[in-house]
């Protein structure tokens, strides 16, 4: 399965072909060839190191909230104890 995640664009390279995004407090350089309209402050949807779409803030937040919900759900769901496993 492949996933793309929204990131906020922090800066553009002088040639506009790449940019730096906020990756949860760290930074990541991504390609912008597919999103030449991206501007600093935009959310870009990143897959495999490339921005593939510019997102509206509300749409990006909806996706980020879904990722957060999934992470919380994953923390809540633990493997069931096997009553036959006597280790």
N, C-alpha and C. Protein backbone atom coordinates (compact mmCIF):
# COMPACT_ATOMS: atom_id res chain seq x y z
N UNK A 1 0.84 -1.17 0.00
CA UNK A 1 0.00 0.00 0.00
C UNK A 1 0.89 1.23 0.00
N UNK A 2 0.50 2.22 -0.75
CA UNK A 2 1.23 3.48 -0.82
C UNK A 2 0.40 4.57 -0.18
N UNK A 3 1.06 5.44 0.55
CA UNK A 3 0.39 6.56 1.19
C UNK A 3 1.08 7.86 0.81
N UNK A 4 0.31 8.90 0.73
CA UNK A 4 0.84 10.25 0.57
C UNK A 4 0.40 11.03 1.80
N UNK A 5 1.24 11.98 2.22
CA UNK A 5 0.96 12.73 3.43
C UNK A 5 1.12 14.21 3.16
N UNK A 6 0.24 15.04 3.73
CA UNK A 6 0.40 16.49 3.58
C UNK A 6 1.54 17.02 4.46
N UNK A 7 2.28 17.95 3.91
CA UNK A 7 3.31 18.68 4.64
C UNK A 7 3.20 20.15 4.27
N UNK A 8 3.54 21.04 5.20
CA UNK A 8 3.53 22.47 4.93
C UNK A 8 4.86 22.86 4.29
N UNK A 9 4.78 23.59 3.19
CA UNK A 9 5.97 24.04 2.45
C UNK A 9 6.58 25.24 3.16
N UNK A 10 7.84 25.09 3.58
CA UNK A 10 8.53 26.14 4.33
C UNK A 10 9.36 27.06 3.44
N UNK A 11 9.96 26.49 2.39
CA UNK A 11 10.80 27.31 1.51
C UNK A 11 10.93 26.65 0.16
N UNK A 12 11.29 27.46 -0.82
CA UNK A 12 11.49 26.99 -2.19
C UNK A 12 12.96 27.15 -2.57
N UNK A 13 13.46 26.20 -3.34
CA UNK A 13 14.80 26.35 -3.92
C UNK A 13 14.73 27.47 -4.95
N UNK A 14 15.86 28.15 -5.22
CA UNK A 14 15.85 29.24 -6.20
C UNK A 14 15.28 28.84 -7.57
N UNK A 15 15.50 27.60 -7.98
CA UNK A 15 14.98 27.16 -9.28
C UNK A 15 13.53 26.70 -9.21
N UNK A 16 12.95 26.61 -8.00
CA UNK A 16 11.57 26.21 -7.82
C UNK A 16 11.30 24.72 -8.03
N UNK A 17 12.34 23.94 -8.26
CA UNK A 17 12.16 22.52 -8.54
C UNK A 17 12.10 21.66 -7.28
N UNK A 18 12.45 22.24 -6.15
CA UNK A 18 12.37 21.52 -4.88
C UNK A 18 12.05 22.53 -3.79
N UNK A 19 11.71 21.99 -2.64
CA UNK A 19 11.40 22.84 -1.50
C UNK A 19 11.57 22.06 -0.22
N UNK A 20 11.56 22.79 0.88
CA UNK A 20 11.70 22.19 2.20
C UNK A 20 10.34 22.24 2.87
N UNK A 21 9.93 21.10 3.44
CA UNK A 21 8.66 21.00 4.15
C UNK A 21 8.89 20.70 5.61
N UNK A 22 7.89 21.04 6.42
CA UNK A 22 7.90 20.71 7.85
C UNK A 22 7.40 19.28 7.99
N UNK A 23 8.27 18.43 8.50
CA UNK A 23 7.93 17.01 8.68
C UNK A 23 7.86 16.72 10.17
N UNK A 24 6.89 17.32 10.84
CA UNK A 24 6.69 17.08 12.26
C UNK A 24 7.82 17.58 13.13
N UNK A 25 8.33 18.76 12.83
CA UNK A 25 9.42 19.33 13.60
C UNK A 25 10.77 19.16 12.94
N UNK A 26 10.90 18.19 12.08
CA UNK A 26 12.10 18.02 11.27
C UNK A 26 11.80 18.63 9.90
N UNK A 27 12.80 18.69 9.05
CA UNK A 27 12.56 19.19 7.71
C UNK A 27 12.94 18.12 6.69
N UNK A 28 12.34 18.23 5.53
CA UNK A 28 12.53 17.27 4.47
C UNK A 28 12.51 18.03 3.16
N UNK A 29 13.45 17.73 2.27
CA UNK A 29 13.45 18.34 0.95
C UNK A 29 12.65 17.45 0.01
N UNK A 30 11.72 18.06 -0.72
CA UNK A 30 10.86 17.31 -1.64
C UNK A 30 10.92 17.95 -3.03
N UNK A 31 10.66 17.14 -4.02
CA UNK A 31 10.59 17.63 -5.39
C UNK A 31 9.28 18.35 -5.64
N UNK A 32 9.32 19.42 -6.43
CA UNK A 32 8.13 20.21 -6.73
C UNK A 32 7.84 20.28 -8.22
N UNK A 33 8.45 19.40 -8.98
CA UNK A 33 8.28 19.43 -10.44
C UNK A 33 6.81 19.26 -10.82
N UNK A 34 6.07 18.45 -10.09
CA UNK A 34 4.67 18.19 -10.42
C UNK A 34 3.72 19.26 -9.87
N UNK A 35 4.24 20.15 -9.03
CA UNK A 35 3.40 21.18 -8.42
C UNK A 35 4.07 22.55 -8.53
N UNK A 36 4.27 23.04 -9.76
CA UNK A 36 4.97 24.32 -9.93
C UNK A 36 4.21 25.50 -9.33
N UNK A 37 2.90 25.31 -9.05
CA UNK A 37 2.10 26.39 -8.47
C UNK A 37 2.27 26.50 -6.95
N UNK A 38 2.96 25.57 -6.33
CA UNK A 38 3.12 25.57 -4.87
C UNK A 38 3.87 26.81 -4.40
N UNK A 39 3.36 27.39 -3.30
CA UNK A 39 3.97 28.57 -2.70
C UNK A 39 4.29 28.27 -1.23
N UNK A 40 5.25 29.01 -0.69
CA UNK A 40 5.58 28.88 0.73
C UNK A 40 4.30 29.09 1.53
N UNK A 41 4.06 28.19 2.48
CA UNK A 41 2.87 28.24 3.32
C UNK A 41 1.78 27.29 2.86
N UNK A 42 1.87 26.81 1.61
CA UNK A 42 0.90 25.84 1.11
C UNK A 42 1.14 24.47 1.74
N UNK A 43 0.08 23.68 1.81
CA UNK A 43 0.22 22.26 2.12
C UNK A 43 0.38 21.54 0.80
N UNK A 44 1.37 20.65 0.74
CA UNK A 44 1.55 19.81 -0.45
C UNK A 44 1.43 18.36 -0.03
N UNK A 45 0.82 17.58 -0.90
CA UNK A 45 0.67 16.15 -0.67
C UNK A 45 1.91 15.47 -1.23
N UNK A 46 2.67 14.80 -0.35
CA UNK A 46 3.97 14.23 -0.73
C UNK A 46 3.90 12.72 -0.77
N UNK A 47 4.39 12.18 -1.87
CA UNK A 47 4.50 10.74 -2.05
C UNK A 47 5.85 10.45 -2.68
N UNK A 48 6.60 9.54 -2.07
CA UNK A 48 7.90 9.10 -2.61
C UNK A 48 8.83 10.27 -2.86
N UNK A 49 8.81 11.25 -1.96
CA UNK A 49 9.75 12.37 -2.05
C UNK A 49 9.36 13.47 -3.01
N UNK A 50 8.15 13.39 -3.57
CA UNK A 50 7.70 14.42 -4.51
C UNK A 50 6.33 14.94 -4.11
N UNK A 51 6.16 16.24 -4.20
CA UNK A 51 4.84 16.84 -4.00
C UNK A 51 4.01 16.52 -5.24
N UNK A 52 2.84 15.93 -5.02
CA UNK A 52 2.02 15.52 -6.16
C UNK A 52 0.75 16.36 -6.28
N UNK A 53 0.47 17.18 -5.27
CA UNK A 53 -0.73 18.02 -5.31
C UNK A 53 -0.61 19.11 -4.26
N UNK A 54 -1.15 20.28 -4.56
CA UNK A 54 -1.28 21.35 -3.57
C UNK A 54 -2.68 21.21 -2.98
N UNK A 55 -2.75 21.23 -1.65
CA UNK A 55 -4.02 21.02 -0.95
C UNK A 55 -4.49 22.30 -0.28
N UNK A 56 -5.80 22.47 -0.21
CA UNK A 56 -6.38 23.52 0.63
C UNK A 56 -6.08 23.16 2.08
N UNK A 57 -5.93 24.19 2.91
CA UNK A 57 -5.61 23.94 4.32
C UNK A 57 -6.60 22.99 4.98
N UNK A 58 -7.90 23.17 4.73
CA UNK A 58 -8.92 22.33 5.36
C UNK A 58 -8.78 20.87 4.92
N UNK A 59 -8.50 20.67 3.65
CA UNK A 59 -8.34 19.30 3.15
C UNK A 59 -7.10 18.65 3.78
N UNK A 60 -6.01 19.40 3.86
CA UNK A 60 -4.80 18.87 4.48
C UNK A 60 -5.07 18.51 5.94
N UNK A 61 -5.79 19.37 6.66
CA UNK A 61 -6.07 19.09 8.07
C UNK A 61 -6.94 17.86 8.23
N UNK A 62 -7.89 17.66 7.34
CA UNK A 62 -8.74 16.47 7.38
C UNK A 62 -7.89 15.21 7.24
N UNK A 63 -6.96 15.22 6.31
CA UNK A 63 -6.08 14.06 6.11
C UNK A 63 -5.18 13.85 7.32
N UNK A 64 -4.60 14.93 7.85
CA UNK A 64 -3.73 14.80 9.02
C UNK A 64 -4.51 14.28 10.23
N UNK A 65 -5.75 14.74 10.39
CA UNK A 65 -6.59 14.24 11.48
C UNK A 65 -6.85 12.74 11.32
N UNK A 66 -7.06 12.30 10.10
CA UNK A 66 -7.29 10.87 9.85
C UNK A 66 -6.05 10.06 10.21
N UNK A 67 -4.86 10.57 9.87
CA UNK A 67 -3.62 9.89 10.25
C UNK A 67 -3.52 9.81 11.78
N UNK A 68 -3.85 10.90 12.47
CA UNK A 68 -3.81 10.91 13.94
C UNK A 68 -4.80 9.90 14.52
N UNK A 69 -6.01 9.87 13.95
CA UNK A 69 -7.01 8.91 14.42
C UNK A 69 -6.53 7.48 14.24
N UNK A 70 -5.94 7.21 13.10
CA UNK A 70 -5.43 5.87 12.83
C UNK A 70 -4.34 5.49 13.83
N UNK A 71 -3.44 6.43 14.12
CA UNK A 71 -2.36 6.15 15.08
C UNK A 71 -2.92 5.86 16.45
N UNK A 72 -3.93 6.64 16.88
CA UNK A 72 -4.55 6.39 18.19
C UNK A 72 -5.26 5.04 18.20
N UNK A 73 -5.95 4.71 17.13
CA UNK A 73 -6.64 3.42 17.04
C UNK A 73 -5.64 2.28 17.10
N UNK A 74 -4.55 2.42 16.41
CA UNK A 74 -3.51 1.38 16.41
C UNK A 74 -2.96 1.17 17.82
N UNK A 75 -2.84 2.25 18.60
CA UNK A 75 -2.36 2.12 19.98
C UNK A 75 -3.38 1.41 20.86
N UNK A 76 -4.67 1.55 20.53
CA UNK A 76 -5.73 0.95 21.34
C UNK A 76 -5.94 -0.52 21.05
N UNK A 77 -5.61 -0.94 19.85
CA UNK A 77 -5.87 -2.31 19.43
C UNK A 77 -4.59 -3.11 19.59
N UNK A 78 -4.57 -3.95 20.61
CA UNK A 78 -3.40 -4.80 20.86
C UNK A 78 -3.76 -6.23 20.47
N UNK A 79 -2.78 -7.03 20.10
CA UNK A 79 -3.09 -8.42 19.78
C UNK A 79 -3.75 -9.10 20.97
N UNK A 80 -4.78 -9.87 20.70
CA UNK A 80 -5.48 -10.60 21.77
C UNK A 80 -4.58 -11.68 22.33
N UNK A 81 -4.68 -11.87 23.62
CA UNK A 81 -3.92 -12.96 24.24
C UNK A 81 -4.48 -14.29 23.77
N UNK A 82 -3.61 -15.19 23.40
CA UNK A 82 -4.03 -16.52 22.97
C UNK A 82 -4.14 -17.38 24.23
N UNK A 83 -5.37 -17.82 24.59
CA UNK A 83 -5.52 -18.62 25.81
C UNK A 83 -4.81 -19.95 25.72
N UNK A 84 -4.46 -20.37 24.50
CA UNK A 84 -3.76 -21.66 24.31
C UNK A 84 -2.23 -21.52 24.37
N UNK A 85 -1.79 -20.29 24.37
CA UNK A 85 -0.34 -20.04 24.42
C UNK A 85 0.08 -20.00 25.89
N UNK A 86 0.80 -20.99 26.35
CA UNK A 86 1.16 -21.14 27.78
C UNK A 86 2.61 -20.75 28.06
N UNK A 87 3.20 -19.88 27.26
CA UNK A 87 4.62 -19.50 27.47
C UNK A 87 4.79 -18.66 28.68
